Every structure is written in structure tokens, then in C-alpha cells.
Amino acid sequence: MFFRSLILSLIMLVFTFTCSFAQVMHIHIGENERVFDLANVDSITYVETVIDLSVEPEEIDFGEVAVGIVGEANLTVTNTGNGELIVNAFDFEEEVFEAVFIDPVSIRSGQSMDFRILFIPQDGGFIASNMIIQSNSMENPQLAVPLSGTGTREFIWEFVETGINMSVVINGALIANEPLSDGDYIGAFTPEGICAGFEPVGDEFPVGLSVYGAEQDQNNGFQAGEQLSFRIWDASIFTELETEFEVEDNGDGVFEAQGFIQIRINAIVE
């Protein structure tokens, strides 16, 4: 502020000195010189250059977007100052968000420009972070715009009801020591990853689950003596979770046709 006042004082001093003798003012802009006739000028108004921006919307929620699909949103950047606004870059805290942007662009005073912002989820679940707009704004050179979205996966478990099955009673199940909720599923899977039965669950237990064995010469279920394993479909984050289980009664954790077992499950969350 002191240097600005000093410069203005020097300008007015030069102006006053020039007016007293020649009534002209010489302004040098780079190597160019312009001469102004001040014979009829009473005053000079100094206008400060202001460079600033606003965005609409101020935050973006992409909602639910399936994994493998690109969610799009429009962001309008407006030059609210009186100088030229230059948008240099869009920076992101998370790689699942992008902007359709290549080179720096300029926006005139009072003008707006639209940009496409993308959400490309790589996995199920909610994610939120900031997008940073880099510009020559004096007030907001790094303007943060909150972004959020939920990646979704389709529930695709399938199994074959064969004539061979084992009864499993699930006395309880947790995800990171938290109870399950409506919309979740528990399924049984062979060592090769083949689904051999599943049931919808909530927070009430016990739950019965029929686990099916493979038909002769078919790979559509468990073989006798194969190790049981279970997975939980967490509907809140659209994600399949591996689990550990504890045998509480009847059995040693392997498939047995017409067998019966009671277990308790806990999902493995990294």
C-alpha cells in the first residue's frame, strides 16, 4: 500500500509539473509512448485492476455412477474482475476426477466459460475431495471446488441349485465390527471362486444358508471335503468383501453333502 501511494504521488507530481509548462502528459508503456493533451482536463481517475473469478455451481455432487461409466458435470467460470482472467490448470486430489482441459485459457471481464468435469469411479463407494482451479486471480489464485460421487457395482452373484446341499446357520456377521444392514448379502464360494449359494441379510441373526455341491462332471458347486469360504456384499459401498469365519458347532469348515454347520462371520476390511 505504501509503494502504491508513493507511485500515485509521483504520477500526480509529474502531471502537475507537466501541466504547468506544456499541458501535455507523456505515458510510456513498454517501448511505446503516448502523448495526451491536458489543456481541458480537470482531474485524472485511477482505476485499480482487479482479477477475480466465481464458479457455478460452487460444489459438484455426481451422485451414483457405475464403475466403468464416466459421470459428467458442467462448471461455469466467470471473470468477476475488470482485468483479463487466465485459467492455468485444474488440479485434483483424487485421480477419479478429471477436467476436459489442455491449455491455459483467458476470459475477458464479465465473460464466462464452461468446463466439463468428469468422475470416473474405479471401485464402489463414496469419495469426496477438492478440485483446485489455478489462475491469475489476485484474490483466489487457487480456488477450491468440492467434488463428490459414489461409485457403484452391480450385484452379479449367481448359483445353481443342485440336488446336493449343506445347511449353514450363520449366528452373526460383522463388517469391521459393525452390524450388517438391509440390502447386504452373504454368499458361499468354492476355492475356485464359484458362488454356491447366497442369502439376503440385515442386522438380525441367525440366518440359514443352503450351500450347494457340484453335480457329477460339473463345476457348479463344492466338491466333497473342499474348504468353505464366505463373502459379504456390502450394499452401502457396492463392494464384495472377503471374510473370516469361526465354526461354533457341528463341523470343521469343509463341505459335506447333507451336512450341517453353525458359524460366525467377520468381514476383512483393509
Protein backbone atom coordinates (compact mmCIF):
# COMPACT_ATOMS: atom_id res chain seq x y z
CA MET A 1 0.00 0.00 0.00
CA PHE A 2 2.89 2.38 0.81
CA PHE A 3 4.55 1.77 -2.57
CA ARG A 4 1.24 2.19 -4.41
CA SER A 5 0.67 5.56 -2.67
CA LEU A 6 4.23 6.60 -3.47
CA ILE A 7 3.79 5.75 -7.16
CA LEU A 8 0.49 7.66 -7.34
CA SER A 9 2.11 10.65 -5.67
CA LEU A 10 4.93 10.62 -8.21
CA ILE A 11 2.43 10.37 -11.07
CA MET A 12 0.50 13.37 -9.75
CA LEU A 13 3.75 15.28 -9.24
CA VAL A 14 4.87 14.65 -12.82
CA PHE A 15 1.39 15.51 -14.06
CA THR A 16 1.34 18.80 -12.12
CA PHE A 17 4.81 19.73 -13.29
CA THR A 18 3.98 18.96 -16.92
CA CYS A 19 0.65 20.82 -16.80
CA SER A 20 2.33 23.96 -15.50
CA PHE A 21 4.54 24.21 -18.58
CA ALA A 22 3.28 22.21 -21.55
CA GLN A 23 -0.15 20.93 -20.58
CA VAL A 24 0.65 17.54 -22.05
CA MET A 25 1.34 14.17 -20.44
CA HIS A 26 3.68 11.52 -21.78
CA ILE A 27 2.90 7.90 -20.84
CA HIS A 28 5.44 5.18 -21.59
CA ILE A 29 4.06 1.64 -21.96
CA GLY A 30 6.99 -0.63 -22.63
CA GLU A 31 8.79 0.88 -25.62
CA ASN A 32 5.72 2.82 -26.74
CA GLU A 33 4.98 6.43 -25.84
CA ARG A 34 1.58 8.12 -25.90
CA VAL A 35 1.05 11.88 -25.56
CA PHE A 36 -2.16 13.31 -24.08
CA ASP A 37 -3.33 16.94 -24.32
CA LEU A 38 -4.33 18.02 -20.81
CA ALA A 39 -5.47 21.56 -21.61
CA ASN A 40 -9.08 20.78 -20.73
CA VAL A 41 -8.50 18.05 -18.16
CA ASP A 42 -9.55 18.83 -14.60
CA SER A 43 -8.69 15.51 -12.95
CA ILE A 44 -7.38 12.01 -13.53
CA THR A 45 -9.13 8.96 -12.09
CA TYR A 46 -7.02 5.96 -11.15
CA VAL A 47 -8.77 2.61 -11.69
CA GLU A 48 -7.18 -0.36 -9.96
CA THR A 49 -7.01 -3.60 -11.95
CA VAL A 50 -8.83 -6.43 -10.19
CA ILE A 51 -8.67 -10.02 -11.39
CA ASP A 52 -11.04 -12.48 -9.72
CA LEU A 53 -13.41 -15.32 -10.55
CA SER A 54 -16.53 -17.13 -9.43
CA VAL A 55 -17.80 -20.62 -10.24
CA GLU A 56 -21.24 -22.13 -10.67
CA PRO A 57 -22.04 -24.49 -9.08
CA GLU A 58 -19.81 -23.88 -6.06
CA GLU A 59 -19.62 -27.65 -5.43
CA ILE A 60 -20.38 -30.71 -7.56
CA ASP A 61 -22.04 -33.96 -6.47
CA PHE A 62 -22.04 -36.56 -9.25
CA GLY A 63 -24.40 -38.87 -7.37
CA GLU A 64 -24.18 -42.59 -8.16
CA VAL A 65 -22.04 -43.59 -11.15
CA ALA A 66 -21.42 -47.23 -12.09
CA VAL A 67 -17.83 -48.44 -12.27
CA GLY A 68 -16.76 -48.29 -15.92
CA ILE A 69 -19.07 -45.35 -16.68
CA VAL A 70 -17.98 -41.70 -16.87
CA GLY A 71 -20.03 -39.18 -14.91
CA GLU A 72 -20.04 -35.63 -16.30
CA ALA A 73 -20.86 -32.22 -14.85
CA ASN A 74 -20.62 -28.67 -16.17
CA LEU A 75 -18.69 -25.96 -14.32
CA THR A 76 -19.07 -22.31 -15.32
CA VAL A 77 -16.15 -19.99 -14.54
CA THR A 78 -16.92 -16.25 -14.63
CA ASN A 79 -14.44 -13.37 -14.66
CA THR A 80 -15.78 -11.04 -11.96
CA GLY A 81 -12.87 -8.59 -12.18
CA ASN A 82 -12.01 -5.86 -14.65
CA GLY A 83 -8.79 -7.42 -15.96
CA GLU A 84 -8.13 -10.49 -18.07
CA LEU A 85 -8.57 -13.76 -16.16
CA ILE A 86 -6.25 -16.61 -17.14
CA VAL A 87 -7.18 -20.13 -16.03
CA ASN A 88 -3.92 -22.08 -15.98
CA ALA A 89 -4.85 -25.53 -14.70
CA PHE A 90 -7.27 -27.79 -12.84
CA ASP A 91 -5.60 -29.87 -10.11
CA PHE A 92 -7.25 -32.83 -8.38
CA GLU A 93 -6.61 -34.55 -5.07
CA GLU A 94 -8.08 -37.85 -6.35
CA GLU A 95 -7.39 -39.49 -9.72
CA VAL A 96 -11.04 -40.47 -10.20
CA PHE A 97 -11.84 -36.82 -11.01
CA GLU A 98 -10.69 -35.07 -14.20
CA ALA A 99 -11.30 -31.93 -16.26
CA VAL A 100 -11.51 -31.64 -20.04
CA PHE A 101 -8.74 -29.06 -20.23
CA ILE A 102 -5.50 -28.83 -22.21
CA ASP A 103 -4.01 -25.33 -22.41
CA PRO A 104 -4.43 -22.18 -20.30
CA VAL A 105 -7.38 -20.07 -21.43
CA SER A 106 -8.22 -16.39 -20.98
CA ILE A 107 -11.63 -14.99 -20.04
CA ARG A 108 -12.49 -11.32 -20.53
CA SER A 109 -14.02 -9.17 -17.82
CA GLY A 110 -17.67 -10.05 -17.27
CA GLN A 111 -17.47 -13.12 -19.52
CA SER A 112 -17.90 -16.80 -18.63
CA MET A 113 -16.57 -20.12 -19.89
CA ASP A 114 -17.86 -23.66 -19.35
CA PHE A 115 -15.67 -26.63 -18.47
CA ARG A 116 -16.54 -30.35 -18.35
CA ILE A 117 -15.63 -32.07 -15.08
CA LEU A 118 -15.53 -35.89 -15.04
CA PHE A 119 -16.00 -38.58 -12.38
CA ILE A 120 -14.57 -41.99 -13.33
CA PRO A 121 -15.01 -44.35 -10.34
CA GLN A 122 -12.60 -47.27 -10.15
CA ASP A 123 -14.40 -49.04 -7.32
CA GLY A 124 -17.60 -48.94 -5.33
CA GLY A 125 -18.08 -46.44 -2.55
CA PHE A 126 -18.37 -42.76 -1.74
CA ILE A 127 -15.48 -40.41 -2.40
CA ALA A 128 -15.05 -36.68 -1.81
CA SER A 129 -12.16 -34.32 -2.46
CA ASN A 130 -11.33 -30.87 -3.82
CA MET A 131 -10.61 -29.61 -7.30
CA ILE A 132 -8.18 -26.68 -7.34
CA ILE A 133 -8.54 -24.07 -10.10
CA GLN A 134 -5.18 -22.40 -10.73
CA SER A 135 -5.48 -18.87 -12.17
CA ASN A 136 -4.00 -15.37 -12.09
CA SER A 137 -6.76 -14.19 -9.74
CA MET A 138 -5.47 -11.75 -7.14
CA GLU A 139 -7.98 -12.91 -4.52
CA ASN A 140 -8.31 -16.63 -5.31
CA PRO A 141 -5.28 -17.88 -7.26
CA GLN A 142 -6.07 -21.41 -6.02
CA LEU A 143 -9.85 -21.73 -5.79
CA ALA A 144 -11.08 -24.99 -4.22
CA VAL A 145 -14.26 -26.59 -5.55
CA PRO A 146 -15.58 -29.57 -3.50
CA LEU A 147 -16.33 -32.70 -5.56
CA SER A 148 -18.11 -35.89 -4.50
CA GLY A 149 -19.61 -39.01 -6.00
CA THR A 150 -20.43 -42.65 -5.31
CA GLY A 151 -19.08 -45.47 -7.43
CA THR A 152 -21.48 -48.40 -7.78
CA ARG A 153 -21.11 -52.03 -8.80
CA GLU A 154 -23.90 -54.28 -9.98
CA PHE A 155 -24.73 -57.26 -7.78
CA ILE A 156 -23.97 -60.25 -10.03
CA TRP A 157 -23.73 -63.33 -7.80
CA GLU A 158 -25.37 -66.41 -9.36
CA PHE A 159 -25.53 -70.05 -8.31
CA VAL A 160 -27.07 -73.35 -9.36
CA GLU A 161 -29.45 -75.23 -7.06
CA THR A 162 -28.19 -78.78 -7.37
CA GLY A 163 -29.55 -81.83 -5.60
CA ILE A 164 -26.61 -81.76 -3.21
CA ASN A 165 -26.54 -79.24 -0.39
CA MET A 166 -25.22 -78.45 3.06
CA SER A 167 -27.07 -76.39 5.67
CA VAL A 168 -25.19 -73.45 7.17
CA VAL A 169 -26.55 -71.44 10.08
CA ILE A 170 -24.93 -68.01 10.40
CA ASN A 171 -25.25 -66.90 14.01
CA GLY A 172 -23.77 -63.45 13.40
CA ALA A 173 -21.85 -61.34 10.90
CA LEU A 174 -19.95 -58.08 11.15
CA ILE A 175 -18.17 -55.66 8.81
CA ALA A 176 -15.25 -54.07 10.66
CA ASN A 177 -17.06 -54.86 13.92
CA GLU A 178 -20.20 -53.11 12.66
CA PRO A 179 -23.52 -54.89 12.03
CA LEU A 180 -24.78 -55.58 8.53
CA SER A 181 -27.77 -53.71 7.14
CA ASP A 182 -30.70 -54.33 4.80
CA GLY A 183 -29.57 -54.91 1.24
CA ASP A 184 -26.43 -56.83 2.20
CA TYR A 185 -25.83 -60.44 1.14
CA ILE A 186 -23.78 -63.37 2.42
CA GLY A 187 -22.64 -65.97 -0.11
CA ALA A 188 -20.65 -69.20 -0.08
CA PHE A 189 -17.81 -69.58 -2.60
CA THR A 190 -15.67 -72.53 -3.67
CA PRO A 191 -11.85 -72.32 -3.65
CA GLU A 192 -12.12 -71.53 -7.39
CA GLY A 193 -14.42 -68.58 -6.67
CA ILE A 194 -17.68 -70.17 -7.83
CA CYS A 195 -20.75 -68.99 -5.96
CA ALA A 196 -22.59 -71.93 -4.41
CA GLY A 197 -25.44 -70.12 -2.67
CA PHE A 198 -26.30 -66.79 -1.07
CA GLU A 199 -28.96 -65.15 1.07
CA PRO A 200 -30.04 -61.54 1.65
CA VAL A 201 -29.36 -60.44 5.21
CA GLY A 202 -29.83 -57.49 7.53
CA ASP A 203 -28.91 -56.94 11.15
CA GLU A 204 -30.98 -59.83 12.52
CA PHE A 205 -29.43 -63.27 13.05
CA PRO A 206 -29.30 -66.27 12.90
CA VAL A 207 -29.74 -66.70 9.13
CA GLY A 208 -29.93 -70.01 7.27
CA LEU A 209 -27.92 -70.53 4.08
CA SER A 210 -28.07 -73.52 1.72
CA VAL A 211 -24.66 -74.26 0.21
CA TYR A 212 -24.72 -76.45 -2.90
CA GLY A 213 -22.37 -79.17 -4.03
CA ALA A 214 -21.32 -79.77 -7.62
CA GLU A 215 -23.24 -82.14 -9.85
CA GLN A 216 -21.39 -85.05 -11.41
CA ASP A 217 -18.89 -83.89 -14.04
CA GLN A 218 -19.93 -80.28 -13.42
CA ASN A 219 -18.09 -77.40 -11.82
CA ASN A 220 -21.17 -75.69 -10.38
CA GLY A 221 -20.65 -76.09 -6.64
CA PHE A 222 -18.47 -77.53 -3.90
CA GLN A 223 -16.67 -80.84 -4.11
CA ALA A 224 -16.77 -83.08 -1.05
CA GLY A 225 -14.19 -82.00 1.53
CA GLU A 226 -13.47 -78.61 -0.04
CA GLN A 227 -12.83 -75.71 2.32
CA LEU A 228 -15.82 -73.41 2.78
CA SER A 229 -15.41 -69.68 2.30
CA PHE A 230 -17.88 -66.83 2.55
CA ARG A 231 -18.17 -63.30 1.17
CA ILE A 232 -20.33 -60.33 2.11
CA TRP A 233 -21.86 -57.96 -0.41
CA ASP A 234 -21.85 -54.55 1.30
CA ALA A 235 -24.71 -52.69 -0.38
CA SER A 236 -23.72 -49.36 1.18
CA ILE A 237 -20.48 -49.27 -0.83
CA PHE A 238 -21.44 -51.68 -3.64
CA THR A 239 -18.47 -53.86 -2.82
CA GLU A 240 -17.77 -57.55 -2.28
CA LEU A 241 -15.78 -58.27 0.89
CA GLU A 242 -13.72 -61.32 1.83
CA THR A 243 -14.44 -62.77 5.27
CA GLU A 244 -13.10 -64.97 8.01
CA PHE A 245 -15.41 -67.35 9.84
CA GLU A 246 -15.42 -69.25 13.09
CA VAL A 247 -17.10 -72.64 13.45
CA GLU A 248 -19.32 -72.62 16.53
CA ASP A 249 -20.92 -76.06 16.21
CA ASN A 250 -21.07 -79.19 14.03
CA GLY A 251 -18.28 -79.41 11.52
CA ASP A 252 -14.75 -78.37 10.73
CA GLY A 253 -15.31 -75.82 7.97
CA VAL A 254 -15.39 -78.09 4.90
CA PHE A 255 -18.23 -79.02 2.56
CA GLU A 256 -20.17 -82.16 3.41
CA ALA A 257 -23.25 -83.24 1.46
CA GLN A 258 -26.33 -83.13 3.69
CA GLY A 259 -24.09 -81.75 6.42
CA PHE A 260 -24.87 -79.06 8.98
CA ILE A 261 -22.68 -76.33 10.50
CA GLN A 262 -23.04 -73.18 12.61
CA ILE A 263 -20.65 -70.29 12.04
CA ARG A 264 -19.97 -66.65 12.82
CA ILE A 265 -18.53 -64.32 10.14
CA ASN A 266 -16.39 -61.19 10.19
CA ALA A 267 -15.56 -59.27 7.01
CA ILE A 268 -11.94 -58.42 6.23
CA VAL A 269 -11.64 -54.67 5.66
CA GLU A 270 -8.26 -53.22 4.67
